[in-house]
Amino acid sequence: MKHLKLVVNNENKKIDIFFNKIELKLILNLYARMVSSGEWKDYGLSISKKEVSFNVYHRTSEFPAYRITKNLKPKNENEKYLIKNHQNKIINKSESLENLIKKIIWKKFKLVN
């Protein structure tokens, strides 16, 4: 018992590896509005080491029309949340998901087939 050592780890930083309840509520409310307007048809979720994304599909296809992404390892604070198009190009980025969803005019992003 002489050689016991007490180690206190005060750096208990828990990183969200998925969308939390508030973020998911914002995304699903947007999804419900867009489905009711007939713009979006389906969704899927994908997880990797670097990001978690909510993928939106216009029709059943193999590529999502839009991806609302939570960057788990952002280089800058304003790159924590991203919206990407079907070509994986960044449409918009922000440090707050709520601000990101509010400042996009989703009706103007109609897909052309």
C-alpha atoms as a PDB file:
ATOM      1  CA  MET A   1       0.000   0.000   0.000  1.00  0.00           C
ATOM      2  CA  LYS A   2       2.984   2.319   0.198  1.00  0.00           C
ATOM      3  CA  HIS A   3       3.260   2.716  -3.560  1.00  0.00           C
ATOM      4  CA  LEU A   4      -0.275   3.857  -4.361  1.00  0.00           C
ATOM      5  CA  LYS A   5      -0.509   7.113  -6.215  1.00  0.00           C
ATOM      6  CA  LEU A   6      -3.569   9.311  -6.654  1.00  0.00           C
ATOM      7  CA  VAL A   7      -3.888  10.769 -10.125  1.00  0.00           C
ATOM      8  CA  VAL A   8      -6.448  13.489 -10.700  1.00  0.00           C
ATOM      9  CA  ASN A   9      -7.386  14.138 -14.297  1.00  0.00           C
ATOM     10  CA  ASN A  10      -9.231  17.438 -14.533  1.00  0.00           C
ATOM     11  CA  GLU A  11      -9.171  17.453 -18.314  1.00  0.00           C
ATOM     12  CA  ASN A  12     -12.364  15.539 -18.858  1.00  0.00           C
ATOM     13  CA  LYS A  13     -13.177  17.012 -22.256  1.00  0.00           C
ATOM     14  CA  LYS A  14     -15.940  14.975 -23.772  1.00  0.00           C
ATOM     15  CA  ILE A  15     -16.182  15.469 -27.516  1.00  0.00           C
ATOM     16  CA  ASP A  16     -19.582  14.915 -29.096  1.00  0.00           C
ATOM     17  CA  ILE A  17     -19.068  12.231 -31.703  1.00  0.00           C
ATOM     18  CA  PHE A  18     -22.594  12.625 -33.002  1.00  0.00           C
ATOM     19  CA  PHE A  19     -25.239  15.319 -33.219  1.00  0.00           C
ATOM     20  CA  ASN A  20     -26.588  16.194 -29.777  1.00  0.00           C
ATOM     21  CA  LYS A  21     -30.333  16.552 -29.095  1.00  0.00           C
ATOM     22  CA  ILE A  22     -30.480  20.278 -29.846  1.00  0.00           C
ATOM     23  CA  GLU A  23     -28.566  19.920 -33.126  1.00  0.00           C
ATOM     24  CA  LEU A  24     -30.656  16.952 -34.223  1.00  0.00           C
ATOM     25  CA  LYS A  25     -33.862  18.831 -33.390  1.00  0.00           C
ATOM     26  CA  LEU A  26     -32.780  21.773 -35.576  1.00  0.00           C
ATOM     27  CA  ILE A  27     -31.903  19.475 -38.468  1.00  0.00           C
ATOM     28  CA  LEU A  28     -35.078  17.381 -38.226  1.00  0.00           C
ATOM     29  CA  ASN A  29     -37.262  20.506 -38.042  1.00  0.00           C
ATOM     30  CA  LEU A  30     -35.626  21.756 -41.254  1.00  0.00           C
ATOM     31  CA  TYR A  31     -36.058  18.321 -42.818  1.00  0.00           C
ATOM     32  CA  ALA A  32     -39.770  18.247 -41.901  1.00  0.00           C
ATOM     33  CA  ARG A  33     -40.310  21.691 -43.493  1.00  0.00           C
ATOM     34  CA  MET A  34     -38.537  20.680 -46.679  1.00  0.00           C
ATOM     35  CA  VAL A  35     -40.344  17.334 -46.954  1.00  0.00           C
ATOM     36  CA  SER A  36     -43.722  19.028 -46.477  1.00  0.00           C
ATOM     37  CA  SER A  37     -42.847  21.466 -49.276  1.00  0.00           C
ATOM     38  CA  GLY A  38     -41.886  18.551 -51.536  1.00  0.00           C
ATOM     39  CA  GLU A  39     -38.198  19.503 -51.899  1.00  0.00           C
ATOM     40  CA  TRP A  40     -36.576  16.637 -50.012  1.00  0.00           C
ATOM     41  CA  LYS A  41     -37.585  12.976 -50.075  1.00  0.00           C
ATOM     42  CA  ASP A  42     -35.191  10.939 -47.905  1.00  0.00           C
ATOM     43  CA  TYR A  43     -32.270  11.230 -45.505  1.00  0.00           C
ATOM     44  CA  GLY A  44     -29.387   9.197 -44.147  1.00  0.00           C
ATOM     45  CA  LEU A  45     -26.695   9.586 -41.522  1.00  0.00           C
ATOM     46  CA  SER A  46     -22.997   8.906 -41.971  1.00  0.00           C
ATOM     47  CA  ILE A  47     -20.176   8.870 -39.448  1.00  0.00           C
ATOM     48  CA  SER A  48     -16.431   9.008 -39.926  1.00  0.00           C
ATOM     49  CA  LYS A  49     -13.472   9.920 -37.719  1.00  0.00           C
ATOM     50  CA  LYS A  50     -13.488  13.495 -38.986  1.00  0.00           C
ATOM     51  CA  GLU A  51     -17.185  14.289 -39.388  1.00  0.00           C
ATOM     52  CA  VAL A  52     -20.784  13.322 -38.810  1.00  0.00           C
ATOM     53  CA  SER A  53     -23.251  14.218 -41.524  1.00  0.00           C
ATOM     54  CA  PHE A  54     -26.981  14.320 -42.118  1.00  0.00           C
ATOM     55  CA  ASN A  55     -27.380  13.475 -45.812  1.00  0.00           C
ATOM     56  CA  VAL A  56     -30.431  14.734 -47.671  1.00  0.00           C
ATOM     57  CA  TYR A  57     -31.690  13.067 -50.842  1.00  0.00           C
ATOM     58  CA  HIS A  58     -33.947  14.619 -53.442  1.00  0.00           C
ATOM     59  CA  ARG A  59     -34.794  11.181 -54.802  1.00  0.00           C
ATOM     60  CA  THR A  60     -33.569   7.728 -53.989  1.00  0.00           C
ATOM     61  CA  SER A  61     -30.056   7.828 -55.369  1.00  0.00           C
ATOM     62  CA  GLU A  62     -26.581   6.943 -54.339  1.00  0.00           C
ATOM     63  CA  PHE A  63     -25.386  10.523 -53.806  1.00  0.00           C
ATOM     64  CA  PRO A  64     -26.941  12.974 -51.335  1.00  0.00           C
ATOM     65  CA  ALA A  65     -28.154  16.304 -52.670  1.00  0.00           C
ATOM     66  CA  TYR A  66     -26.952  18.097 -49.510  1.00  0.00           C
ATOM     67  CA  ARG A  67     -24.949  17.183 -46.458  1.00  0.00           C
ATOM     68  CA  ILE A  68     -25.295  19.016 -43.159  1.00  0.00           C
ATOM     69  CA  THR A  69     -21.989  18.185 -41.520  1.00  0.00           C
ATOM     70  CA  LYS A  70     -20.575  18.504 -38.030  1.00  0.00           C
ATOM     71  CA  ASN A  71     -16.806  18.691 -38.344  1.00  0.00           C
ATOM     72  CA  LEU A  72     -15.285  16.873 -35.350  1.00  0.00           C
ATOM     73  CA  LYS A  73     -11.795  18.278 -35.898  1.00  0.00           C
ATOM     74  CA  PRO A  74     -12.256  21.782 -37.339  1.00  0.00           C
ATOM     75  CA  LYS A  75      -9.226  23.847 -38.330  1.00  0.00           C
ATOM     76  CA  ASN A  76     -11.106  27.077 -37.600  1.00  0.00           C
ATOM     77  CA  GLU A  77     -14.047  27.712 -35.278  1.00  0.00           C
ATOM     78  CA  ASN A  78     -16.211  28.836 -38.206  1.00  0.00           C
ATOM     79  CA  GLU A  79     -15.751  25.431 -39.864  1.00  0.00           C
ATOM     80  CA  LYS A  80     -17.484  23.415 -37.143  1.00  0.00           C
ATOM     81  CA  TYR A  81     -20.719  23.076 -39.149  1.00  0.00           C
ATOM     82  CA  LEU A  82     -20.737  22.818 -42.927  1.00  0.00           C
ATOM     83  CA  ILE A  83     -23.299  22.451 -45.677  1.00  0.00           C
ATOM     84  CA  LYS A  84     -21.969  20.602 -48.711  1.00  0.00           C
ATOM     85  CA  ASN A  85     -23.563  19.968 -52.093  1.00  0.00           C
ATOM     86  CA  HIS A  86     -23.702  16.734 -54.088  1.00  0.00           C
ATOM     87  CA  GLN A  87     -20.158  17.335 -55.373  1.00  0.00           C
ATOM     88  CA  ASN A  88     -18.898  17.639 -51.766  1.00  0.00           C
ATOM     89  CA  LYS A  89     -18.156  21.359 -52.213  1.00  0.00           C
ATOM     90  CA  ILE A  90     -18.792  23.592 -49.213  1.00  0.00           C
ATOM     91  CA  ILE A  91     -21.829  25.835 -49.730  1.00  0.00           C
ATOM     92  CA  ASN A  92     -21.688  27.518 -46.349  1.00  0.00           C
ATOM     93  CA  LYS A  93     -19.973  27.150 -42.977  1.00  0.00           C
ATOM     94  CA  SER A  94     -20.490  28.465 -39.462  1.00  0.00           C
ATOM     95  CA  GLU A  95     -19.597  27.968 -35.829  1.00  0.00           C
ATOM     96  CA  SER A  96     -23.292  27.588 -34.940  1.00  0.00           C
ATOM     97  CA  LEU A  97     -25.672  25.114 -36.537  1.00  0.00           C
ATOM     98  CA  GLU A  98     -28.680  27.310 -35.778  1.00  0.00           C
ATOM     99  CA  ASN A  99     -27.130  30.312 -37.548  1.00  0.00           C
ATOM    100  CA  LEU A 100     -26.079  28.135 -40.473  1.00  0.00           C
ATOM    101  CA  ILE A 101     -29.582  26.754 -41.008  1.00  0.00           C
ATOM    102  CA  LYS A 102     -31.216  30.181 -40.628  1.00  0.00           C
ATOM    103  CA  LYS A 103     -28.974  32.051 -43.066  1.00  0.00           C
ATOM    104  CA  ILE A 104     -29.446  29.597 -45.949  1.00  0.00           C
ATOM    105  CA  ILE A 105     -32.438  30.164 -48.207  1.00  0.00           C
ATOM    106  CA  TRP A 106     -33.269  26.531 -48.814  1.00  0.00           C
ATOM    107  CA  LYS A 107     -35.879  27.205 -51.504  1.00  0.00           C
ATOM    108  CA  LYS A 108     -33.263  28.647 -53.871  1.00  0.00           C
ATOM    109  CA  PHE A 109     -31.294  25.394 -53.831  1.00  0.00           C
ATOM    110  CA  LYS A 110     -33.530  23.485 -56.236  1.00  0.00           C
ATOM    111  CA  LEU A 111     -31.975  20.597 -58.069  1.00  0.00           C
ATOM    112  CA  VAL A 112     -31.959  20.684 -61.859  1.00  0.00           C
ATOM    113  CA  ASN A 113     -32.313  17.309 -63.547  1.00  0.00           C
END
